[in-house]
Amino acid sequence: MTQMPESRRGLIHGAAAYGLWGLLPLYFHLIDQVDAGEIVAQRVLWSVVLLVPIVLLLRRGGSLWQAMRTPRVLAMLAASALLIAANWLLYVWAVLHHQVLAASMAYFLNPLLNIAMGVALLGEQLKRMQAVAVLLAGAGVAVLAVGAGGGLWISLAIALSFATYGLIRKVAPVAAFEGLTIETLLLAPLALGYLVWLSSHGGLSFGQEGGLTALLVMAGAVTTVPLLLFAAAARQLRMATLGLLQFLAPSMQFLLAITLFGEQLDALKLSSFALIWAGLAVYVGGSVLGRPRRVPA
């Protein structure tokens, strides 16, 4: 059997990762009777169950231990772990409270927020097209803020937590897989403590009903599989291609929100989304047009 070209494999991995993230609201809809904190705790603990055997299988224990022994790396990953946990909690809460539109807006905003943070905190140069894109997105947020959009704080909190998480992971001197594993291990005691507390107060859903318990066990795979697919895609694709693929997930969530979940898209929200989409179009257009052309040999 002929081997699949690497670029094609990367596209499949990337599309699968973002496609699974785009379908996440459907999974949370199936377990909407469960407390958001328990869902996040279950995600953490079952991710540990999946990640530790993978570490052993790939023989990455040495690099994992080396990262954990470095105080600076451990401190940075502790911060990023708290940020990703907050991001998960906000996202799950938003889906459970019928705010999928607000959650999708967060991830449309995220790449533009990354640009702004890169300029403000890392001293990166802002290109003209990027500046226009950020201004358009800012106008979209302003429109929603002036109209007192109830979901604005959700969108901004999710986007800011994930962008700050990405910023820390960008500067942390640790590989993606080892970083994810350490973050999950650091969160595991907090997750276990919360589940014990929840159980002592009679609020634990795990173990109460077979189908629901099975869905909660799946939380580890739901969390880990897309991240592993994304890590594979990141190695096989150009950043420009990966940047275009990232809009697949919020687009799918947007469509789920206005169709299956029946959320209302009023004129104000539509205007806000339109400005953010215009910013994304400028951002993508600038990335494509600004790509250096290959000169024939």
Protein backbone atom coordinates (compact mmCIF):
# COMPACT_ATOMS: atom_id res chain seq x y z
CA MET A 1 0.00 0.00 0.00
CA THR A 2 1.41 3.39 -0.98
CA GLN A 3 2.18 5.78 1.82
CA MET A 4 -0.11 8.83 2.10
CA PRO A 5 1.67 12.13 1.34
CA GLU A 6 2.60 13.92 4.53
CA SER A 7 0.72 17.13 3.67
CA ARG A 8 -2.46 15.13 3.06
CA ARG A 9 -2.04 13.30 6.37
CA GLY A 10 -1.60 16.66 8.07
CA LEU A 11 -4.82 17.99 6.53
CA ILE A 12 -6.71 14.90 7.69
CA HIS A 13 -5.29 15.20 11.21
CA GLY A 14 -6.00 18.94 11.39
CA ALA A 15 -9.53 18.67 9.98
CA ALA A 16 -10.27 15.78 12.36
CA ALA A 17 -8.99 17.75 15.39
CA TYR A 18 -10.97 20.91 14.65
CA GLY A 19 -13.99 18.88 13.50
CA LEU A 20 -14.08 17.06 16.84
CA TRP A 21 -13.75 20.38 18.70
CA GLY A 22 -16.59 21.74 16.58
CA LEU A 23 -18.82 18.85 17.68
CA LEU A 24 -18.04 19.27 21.40
CA PRO A 25 -21.37 21.02 22.16
CA LEU A 26 -23.18 17.84 21.07
CA TYR A 27 -21.23 15.80 23.63
CA PHE A 28 -21.89 18.29 26.44
CA HIS A 29 -25.56 18.39 25.44
CA LEU A 30 -25.74 14.65 26.17
CA ILE A 31 -24.49 15.23 29.73
CA ASP A 32 -26.17 18.58 30.40
CA GLN A 33 -27.59 17.31 33.70
CA VAL A 34 -24.05 17.06 35.13
CA ASP A 35 -22.41 19.93 37.04
CA ALA A 36 -19.89 21.82 34.86
CA GLY A 37 -17.20 21.43 37.54
CA GLU A 38 -17.65 17.65 37.58
CA ILE A 39 -17.42 17.47 33.78
CA VAL A 40 -14.09 19.34 33.84
CA ALA A 41 -12.80 17.20 36.74
CA GLN A 42 -13.76 14.03 34.87
CA ARG A 43 -12.01 15.37 31.74
CA VAL A 44 -8.81 15.88 33.74
CA LEU A 45 -8.76 12.50 35.50
CA TRP A 46 -9.68 10.39 32.48
CA SER A 47 -7.12 12.31 30.41
CA VAL A 48 -4.47 11.22 32.93
CA VAL A 49 -5.59 7.62 32.44
CA LEU A 50 -5.02 8.01 28.68
CA LEU A 51 -1.88 10.17 28.68
CA VAL A 52 0.29 8.23 31.15
CA PRO A 53 0.23 4.97 29.10
CA ILE A 54 0.97 6.98 25.94
CA VAL A 55 4.00 8.55 27.67
CA LEU A 56 5.28 5.07 28.54
CA LEU A 57 4.52 3.70 25.08
CA LEU A 58 6.35 6.54 23.34
CA ARG A 59 9.20 6.40 25.88
CA ARG A 60 8.83 10.08 26.73
CA GLY A 61 9.22 9.56 30.47
CA GLY A 62 12.76 10.97 30.50
CA SER A 63 11.86 14.28 28.86
CA LEU A 64 8.73 14.48 31.01
CA TRP A 65 10.73 14.04 34.22
CA GLN A 66 13.35 16.55 33.07
CA ALA A 67 10.65 19.19 32.50
CA MET A 68 9.07 18.48 35.89
CA ARG A 69 12.44 18.90 37.61
CA THR A 70 12.92 22.41 36.16
CA PRO A 71 11.29 24.95 38.55
CA ARG A 72 10.78 27.62 35.87
CA VAL A 73 9.07 25.19 33.50
CA LEU A 74 6.95 23.74 36.29
CA ALA A 75 5.83 27.22 37.41
CA MET A 76 4.87 28.20 33.86
CA LEU A 77 2.94 24.96 33.34
CA ALA A 78 1.16 25.41 36.67
CA ALA A 79 -0.07 28.80 35.42
CA SER A 80 -1.05 27.40 32.02
CA ALA A 81 -2.82 24.46 33.70
CA LEU A 82 -5.00 26.82 35.76
CA LEU A 83 -5.76 28.88 32.65
CA ILE A 84 -6.80 25.88 30.54
CA ALA A 85 -8.91 24.55 33.41
CA ALA A 86 -10.65 27.94 33.67
CA ASN A 87 -11.11 27.95 29.89
CA TRP A 88 -12.67 24.46 29.95
CA LEU A 89 -14.94 25.40 32.87
CA LEU A 90 -16.15 28.58 31.16
CA TYR A 91 -16.73 26.77 27.87
CA VAL A 92 -18.64 23.86 29.43
CA TRP A 93 -20.72 26.27 31.53
CA ALA A 94 -21.54 28.31 28.41
CA VAL A 95 -22.71 25.24 26.48
CA LEU A 96 -24.78 23.93 29.41
CA HIS A 97 -26.44 27.36 29.77
CA HIS A 98 -27.34 27.65 26.05
CA GLN A 99 -24.59 30.14 25.20
CA VAL A 100 -23.00 28.26 22.29
CA LEU A 101 -23.07 31.41 20.14
CA ALA A 102 -21.02 33.28 22.76
CA ALA A 103 -18.57 30.36 22.93
CA SER A 104 -18.18 30.27 19.15
CA MET A 105 -17.55 34.03 19.08
CA ALA A 106 -14.71 33.50 21.58
CA TYR A 107 -12.85 31.21 19.20
CA PHE A 108 -13.47 33.50 16.22
CA LEU A 109 -11.89 36.28 18.31
CA ASN A 110 -8.98 34.16 19.49
CA PRO A 111 -6.57 34.44 16.50
CA LEU A 112 -7.07 38.22 16.39
CA LEU A 113 -6.52 38.44 20.14
CA ASN A 114 -3.32 36.43 19.68
CA ILE A 115 -2.07 39.10 17.26
CA ALA A 116 -2.87 41.90 19.72
CA MET A 117 -1.13 40.09 22.60
CA GLY A 118 1.90 39.36 20.44
CA VAL A 119 2.27 43.07 19.71
CA ALA A 120 1.56 44.26 23.27
CA LEU A 121 3.53 41.65 25.22
CA LEU A 122 6.12 40.16 22.85
CA GLY A 123 7.01 43.26 20.84
CA GLU A 124 5.94 41.67 17.54
CA GLN A 125 5.47 43.96 14.56
CA LEU A 126 1.87 44.51 13.44
CA LYS A 127 1.36 44.40 9.67
CA ARG A 128 -1.15 46.76 8.07
CA MET A 129 -3.66 44.01 7.24
CA GLN A 130 -3.36 42.60 10.76
CA ALA A 131 -4.02 46.05 12.25
CA VAL A 132 -7.18 46.41 10.13
CA ALA A 133 -8.29 42.91 11.19
CA VAL A 134 -7.83 43.68 14.90
CA LEU A 135 -9.68 47.02 14.56
CA LEU A 136 -12.63 45.32 12.83
CA ALA A 137 -12.82 42.67 15.55
CA GLY A 138 -12.61 45.37 18.22
CA ALA A 139 -15.49 47.18 16.53
CA GLY A 140 -17.51 43.96 16.63
CA VAL A 141 -16.92 43.60 20.36
CA ALA A 142 -17.79 47.29 20.87
CA VAL A 143 -21.10 46.87 19.02
CA LEU A 144 -22.07 44.00 21.31
CA ALA A 145 -20.89 45.91 24.40
CA VAL A 146 -22.93 49.03 23.51
CA GLY A 147 -25.99 46.83 23.10
CA ALA A 148 -25.30 45.27 26.51
CA GLY A 149 -24.91 41.82 24.97
CA GLY A 150 -25.46 39.30 27.76
CA GLY A 151 -22.95 36.83 26.32
CA LEU A 152 -20.12 39.31 25.81
CA TRP A 153 -18.39 38.54 29.12
CA ILE A 154 -18.49 34.82 28.25
CA SER A 155 -16.88 35.38 24.85
CA LEU A 156 -14.17 37.65 26.26
CA ALA A 157 -13.41 35.40 29.25
CA ILE A 158 -13.07 32.28 27.09
CA ALA A 159 -10.99 34.09 24.45
CA LEU A 160 -8.70 35.80 26.99
CA SER A 161 -8.10 32.64 29.02
CA PHE A 162 -7.21 30.62 25.91
CA ALA A 163 -5.06 33.36 24.36
CA THR A 164 -3.12 33.80 27.63
CA TYR A 165 -2.74 30.02 27.86
CA GLY A 166 -1.34 29.99 24.32
CA LEU A 167 1.04 32.82 25.16
CA ILE A 168 2.50 30.94 28.14
CA ARG A 169 2.81 27.71 26.16
CA LYS A 170 4.55 29.62 23.37
CA VAL A 171 7.34 30.84 25.66
CA ALA A 172 7.53 27.78 27.94
CA PRO A 173 10.61 25.67 27.00
CA VAL A 174 8.78 22.33 26.86
CA ALA A 175 7.45 20.14 24.05
CA ALA A 176 3.70 20.15 23.40
CA PHE A 177 2.98 16.57 24.50
CA GLU A 178 5.06 16.72 27.66
CA GLY A 179 3.50 20.09 28.51
CA LEU A 180 -0.02 18.75 28.12
CA THR A 181 0.77 15.72 30.28
CA ILE A 182 2.32 17.79 33.06
CA GLU A 183 -0.59 20.25 33.03
CA THR A 184 -3.02 17.35 33.37
CA LEU A 185 -1.03 15.76 36.20
CA LEU A 186 -0.92 19.11 38.04
CA LEU A 187 -4.69 19.49 37.74
CA ALA A 188 -5.43 15.89 38.77
CA PRO A 189 -5.28 16.45 42.60
CA LEU A 190 -7.62 19.46 42.30
CA ALA A 191 -10.00 17.46 40.10
CA LEU A 192 -9.97 14.48 42.47
CA GLY A 193 -10.50 16.74 45.51
CA TYR A 194 -13.49 18.41 43.85
CA LEU A 195 -15.08 15.05 43.01
CA VAL A 196 -14.57 13.82 46.59
CA TRP A 197 -16.18 17.01 47.91
CA LEU A 198 -19.04 16.68 45.42
CA SER A 199 -19.59 13.05 46.43
CA SER A 200 -19.69 13.94 50.12
CA HIS A 201 -22.47 16.44 49.37
CA GLY A 202 -24.48 13.97 47.29
CA GLY A 203 -23.93 15.84 44.02
CA LEU A 204 -21.72 13.36 42.12
CA SER A 205 -23.27 12.10 38.86
CA PHE A 206 -20.56 9.52 38.14
CA GLY A 207 -21.75 6.01 39.01
CA GLN A 208 -25.41 6.99 39.34
CA GLU A 209 -26.50 5.69 35.93
CA GLY A 210 -24.69 3.40 33.47
CA GLY A 211 -25.08 5.42 30.28
CA LEU A 212 -24.16 8.71 31.92
CA THR A 213 -21.13 7.16 33.62
CA ALA A 214 -19.92 5.79 30.28
CA LEU A 215 -20.26 9.25 28.72
CA LEU A 216 -18.24 10.78 31.57
CA VAL A 217 -15.50 8.14 31.10
CA MET A 218 -15.38 9.24 27.45
CA ALA A 219 -14.40 12.74 28.65
CA GLY A 220 -10.73 11.71 28.63
CA ALA A 221 -10.82 10.66 24.98
CA VAL A 222 -12.93 13.69 24.04
CA THR A 223 -10.20 15.90 25.52
CA THR A 224 -7.05 14.01 24.53
CA VAL A 225 -7.75 12.67 21.03
CA PRO A 226 -8.28 16.09 19.36
CA LEU A 227 -5.18 17.46 21.11
CA LEU A 228 -3.04 14.56 19.84
CA LEU A 229 -4.46 14.98 16.32
CA PHE A 230 -3.71 18.69 16.52
CA ALA A 231 -0.13 18.00 17.66
CA ALA A 232 0.35 15.69 14.66
CA ALA A 233 -1.13 18.28 12.26
CA ALA A 234 1.10 21.03 13.69
CA ARG A 235 4.16 18.97 12.76
CA GLN A 236 2.94 18.22 9.23
CA LEU A 237 1.35 21.49 8.06
CA ARG A 238 2.45 25.07 7.50
CA MET A 239 1.23 27.52 10.11
CA ALA A 240 -0.82 29.37 7.47
CA THR A 241 -2.75 26.19 6.66
CA LEU A 242 -3.23 25.40 10.34
CA GLY A 243 -4.44 28.96 10.89
CA LEU A 244 -7.14 28.53 8.24
CA LEU A 245 -8.27 25.20 9.68
CA GLN A 246 -8.81 26.71 13.14
CA PHE A 247 -11.97 28.49 11.93
CA LEU A 248 -13.65 25.13 11.26
CA ALA A 249 -14.51 24.52 14.95
CA PRO A 250 -16.21 27.86 15.79
CA SER A 251 -18.02 27.77 12.42
CA MET A 252 -19.48 24.36 13.26
CA GLN A 253 -20.42 25.56 16.75
CA PHE A 254 -22.08 28.66 15.29
CA LEU A 255 -24.21 26.51 12.97
CA LEU A 256 -25.13 24.13 15.80
CA ALA A 257 -26.17 27.08 17.97
CA ILE A 258 -28.60 28.60 15.47
CA THR A 259 -29.98 25.28 14.16
CA LEU A 260 -29.98 22.38 16.59
CA PHE A 261 -29.89 24.41 19.83
CA GLY A 262 -32.27 27.13 18.60
CA GLU A 263 -30.31 30.13 19.92
CA GLN A 264 -31.49 33.52 18.67
CA LEU A 265 -29.25 35.48 16.30
CA ASP A 266 -30.65 39.01 16.54
CA ALA A 267 -29.54 42.01 14.45
CA LEU A 268 -27.05 43.20 17.09
CA LYS A 269 -25.30 39.82 17.38
CA LEU A 270 -25.32 39.44 13.60
CA SER A 271 -23.68 42.88 13.21
CA SER A 272 -21.05 41.96 15.79
CA PHE A 273 -20.31 38.62 14.14
CA ALA A 274 -20.19 40.32 10.71
CA LEU A 275 -17.48 42.74 11.87
CA ILE A 276 -15.46 39.91 13.44
CA TRP A 277 -15.84 37.79 10.28
CA ALA A 278 -14.70 40.77 8.21
CA GLY A 279 -11.64 41.03 10.44
CA LEU A 280 -10.94 37.33 9.97
CA ALA A 281 -11.33 37.67 6.19
CA VAL A 282 -8.78 40.50 6.19
CA TYR A 283 -6.48 38.44 8.45
CA VAL A 284 -6.69 35.36 6.20
CA GLY A 285 -6.36 37.45 3.04
CA GLY A 286 -3.29 39.18 4.43
CA SER A 287 -1.74 35.84 5.39
CA VAL A 288 -2.28 34.39 1.92
CA LEU A 289 -1.24 37.49 -0.03
CA GLY A 290 1.72 38.12 2.26
CA ARG A 291 3.11 34.61 1.76
CA PRO A 292 6.46 34.80 -0.09
CA ARG A 293 6.30 33.45 -3.64
CA ARG A 294 8.64 30.66 -4.69
CA VAL A 295 11.10 31.66 -7.38
CA PRO A 296 11.72 28.92 -9.99
CA ALA A 297 15.24 27.56 -9.95
